């Protein structure tokens, strides 16, 4: 496995990977849990939202970075992180690994890559957020294994009508 800096030519592969990874969460987990009104309002355009988000994810001048894991000339996953230099804080913003490359250390290597990159700067703290649902259980296990401290929160949403 090789981890390298994002290149513009990666966009189509990363978007396809992102949509494949997070489709199950949005359509099979979140949507049935919250119902159509909340889903439509909060994540009804999730595919387009990821396209837009990914298009702005790598801008080193703004402290935004993306690294890509490549296995056998195939994109296996990627990690995006944000550095907030003034606060001396960094945050892993997104981590996605293709299904066929999971459970092979790709996610760990990407998270460690982002952490090491932030460590070389003048940052003191790194954080990451993820869901408390079953879909995000592997992510929670990884982050806890990497030494992150979970801070449980609850977010409530409901339709008004």
Protein backbone atom coordinates (compact mmCIF):
# COMPACT_ATOMS: atom_id res chain seq x y z
CA UNK A 1 0.00 0.00 0.00
CA UNK A 2 1.17 3.48 -0.85
CA UNK A 3 -0.29 6.67 0.65
CA UNK A 4 0.09 9.83 -1.37
CA UNK A 5 -1.28 13.35 -1.58
CA UNK A 6 -4.57 13.87 -3.40
CA UNK A 7 -4.42 14.88 -7.07
CA UNK A 8 -7.28 16.42 -9.06
CA UNK A 9 -7.41 13.30 -11.22
CA UNK A 10 -8.44 11.33 -8.09
CA UNK A 11 -11.78 13.13 -7.81
CA UNK A 12 -13.95 10.68 -9.84
CA UNK A 13 -12.55 7.61 -8.04
CA UNK A 14 -12.88 9.22 -4.61
CA UNK A 15 -16.42 10.37 -5.30
CA UNK A 16 -17.41 6.88 -6.47
CA UNK A 17 -15.78 5.37 -3.38
CA UNK A 18 -17.48 7.87 -1.06
CA UNK A 19 -20.92 7.25 -2.52
CA UNK A 20 -20.44 3.47 -2.31
CA UNK A 21 -19.20 3.60 1.29
CA UNK A 22 -21.82 5.96 2.68
CA UNK A 23 -24.88 4.79 0.68
CA UNK A 24 -25.58 2.11 3.26
CA UNK A 25 -25.55 4.61 6.11
CA UNK A 26 -27.81 7.15 4.40
CA UNK A 27 -30.27 4.79 2.75
CA UNK A 28 -30.29 1.72 5.02
CA UNK A 29 -29.60 3.22 8.44
CA UNK A 30 -30.32 6.94 8.71
CA UNK A 31 -33.35 7.18 6.41
CA UNK A 32 -35.39 4.39 8.09
CA UNK A 33 -34.41 5.67 11.54
CA UNK A 34 -35.51 9.31 11.12
CA UNK A 35 -38.24 9.03 8.47
CA UNK A 36 -38.73 10.79 5.17
CA UNK A 37 -39.28 14.36 6.40
CA UNK A 38 -36.09 14.55 8.46
CA UNK A 39 -34.11 12.57 5.89
CA UNK A 40 -35.17 14.87 3.05
CA UNK A 41 -34.33 17.97 5.08
CA UNK A 42 -31.01 16.85 6.56
CA UNK A 43 -29.55 14.46 3.98
CA UNK A 44 -31.99 14.24 1.07
CA UNK A 45 -29.25 15.34 -1.34
CA UNK A 46 -26.43 13.41 0.27
CA UNK A 47 -24.85 12.38 -3.04
CA UNK A 48 -24.62 15.98 -4.25
CA UNK A 49 -23.47 17.08 -0.78
CA UNK A 50 -20.55 14.65 -0.92
CA UNK A 51 -19.67 15.81 -4.44
CA UNK A 52 -19.50 19.40 -3.22
CA UNK A 53 -17.70 18.53 0.02
CA UNK A 54 -15.10 16.42 -1.75
CA UNK A 55 -14.51 19.18 -4.29
CA UNK A 56 -13.43 21.49 -1.44
CA UNK A 57 -11.65 18.91 0.72
CA UNK A 58 -8.06 19.49 -0.45
CA UNK A 59 -6.82 23.06 -0.13
CA UNK A 60 -3.52 23.11 1.77
CA UNK A 61 -3.45 26.93 1.88
CA UNK A 62 -6.69 26.74 3.89
CA UNK A 63 -5.40 23.91 6.09
CA UNK A 64 -7.41 21.21 4.29
CA UNK A 65 -5.66 18.03 3.23
CA UNK A 66 -6.54 14.73 1.57
CA UNK A 67 -4.34 11.66 1.29
CA UNK A 68 -5.13 8.64 -0.87
CA UNK A 69 -4.25 4.99 -0.23
CA UNK A 70 -3.40 3.03 -3.36
CA UNK A 71 -3.17 -0.77 -3.48
CA UNK A 72 -2.15 -2.44 -6.75
CA UNK A 73 -2.79 0.79 -8.69
CA UNK A 74 -6.34 0.96 -7.28
CA UNK A 75 -7.68 3.60 -4.89
CA UNK A 76 -8.33 1.68 -1.68
CA UNK A 77 -9.39 4.61 0.49
CA UNK A 78 -8.71 8.15 1.55
CA UNK A 79 -8.60 10.45 4.54
CA UNK A 80 -9.34 14.16 4.76
CA UNK A 81 -8.32 16.39 7.63
CA UNK A 82 -8.41 20.03 8.60
CA UNK A 83 -5.70 21.92 10.49
CA UNK A 84 -6.80 24.87 12.62
CA UNK A 85 -3.38 26.35 13.29
CA UNK A 86 -4.58 29.25 15.47
CA UNK A 87 -6.31 26.80 17.83
CA UNK A 88 -3.43 24.28 17.48
CA UNK A 89 -6.13 21.74 16.70
CA UNK A 90 -6.62 19.29 13.85
CA UNK A 91 -9.60 17.19 12.91
CA UNK A 92 -9.96 14.08 10.79
CA UNK A 93 -12.92 15.14 8.68
CA UNK A 94 -13.59 12.01 6.61
CA UNK A 95 -12.17 8.53 6.25
CA UNK A 96 -13.44 6.05 3.68
CA UNK A 97 -12.14 2.63 2.67
CA UNK A 98 -13.44 0.56 -0.25
CA UNK A 99 -15.26 -2.59 0.87
CA UNK A 100 -12.76 -4.96 -0.73
CA UNK A 101 -9.88 -3.31 1.16
CA UNK A 102 -11.42 -3.25 4.63
CA UNK A 103 -9.94 -5.21 7.52
CA UNK A 104 -6.48 -4.94 5.93
CA UNK A 105 -5.13 -1.94 7.82
CA UNK A 106 -5.96 0.68 5.18
CA UNK A 107 -8.15 2.79 7.48
CA UNK A 108 -5.58 2.64 10.28
CA UNK A 109 -2.74 3.59 7.93
CA UNK A 110 -4.73 6.54 6.58
CA UNK A 111 -5.67 7.79 10.06
CA UNK A 112 -2.07 7.43 11.24
CA UNK A 113 -0.88 9.28 8.13
CA UNK A 114 -3.17 12.22 8.90
CA UNK A 115 -2.18 12.22 12.57
CA UNK A 116 1.52 12.17 11.71
CA UNK A 117 1.05 15.00 9.23
CA UNK A 118 -0.64 17.07 11.93
CA UNK A 119 2.05 16.12 14.46
CA UNK A 120 4.76 17.62 12.22
CA UNK A 121 3.05 20.99 12.43
CA UNK A 122 2.49 23.00 15.59
CA UNK A 123 -0.79 21.33 16.52
CA UNK A 124 -1.42 19.97 20.01
CA UNK A 125 -4.70 18.09 19.69
CA UNK A 126 -6.48 16.04 17.05
CA UNK A 127 -10.13 15.04 17.12
CA UNK A 128 -12.49 12.98 15.00
CA UNK A 129 -16.25 12.56 15.03
CA UNK A 130 -18.31 9.58 13.97
CA UNK A 131 -21.76 8.12 14.45
CA UNK A 132 -23.00 6.04 17.34
CA UNK A 133 -25.02 3.74 15.09
CA UNK A 134 -24.06 0.19 14.02
CA UNK A 135 -22.79 1.42 10.61
CA UNK A 136 -20.06 3.47 12.34
CA UNK A 137 -19.03 0.75 14.86
CA UNK A 138 -15.83 -0.16 12.95
CA UNK A 139 -14.82 3.52 12.86
CA UNK A 140 -15.40 3.89 16.61
CA UNK A 141 -13.30 0.78 17.27
CA UNK A 142 -10.46 2.12 15.11
CA UNK A 143 -10.45 5.57 16.71
CA UNK A 144 -10.53 4.17 20.24
CA UNK A 145 -7.70 1.78 19.34
CA UNK A 146 -5.71 4.77 18.08
CA UNK A 147 -6.09 6.40 21.51
CA UNK A 148 -8.95 8.83 20.91
CA UNK A 149 -11.21 9.42 23.90
CA UNK A 150 -14.91 9.10 23.05
CA UNK A 151 -17.11 11.94 24.26
CA UNK A 152 -20.70 10.71 23.97
CA UNK A 153 -23.26 13.19 22.69
CA UNK A 154 -26.83 12.83 21.59
CA UNK A 155 -28.33 14.79 18.70
CA UNK A 156 -32.12 14.88 18.46
CA UNK A 157 -34.00 15.71 15.28
CA UNK A 158 -37.71 15.59 14.46
CA UNK A 159 -40.08 16.94 11.88
CA UNK A 160 -42.08 20.04 12.78
CA UNK A 161 -45.20 18.91 10.92
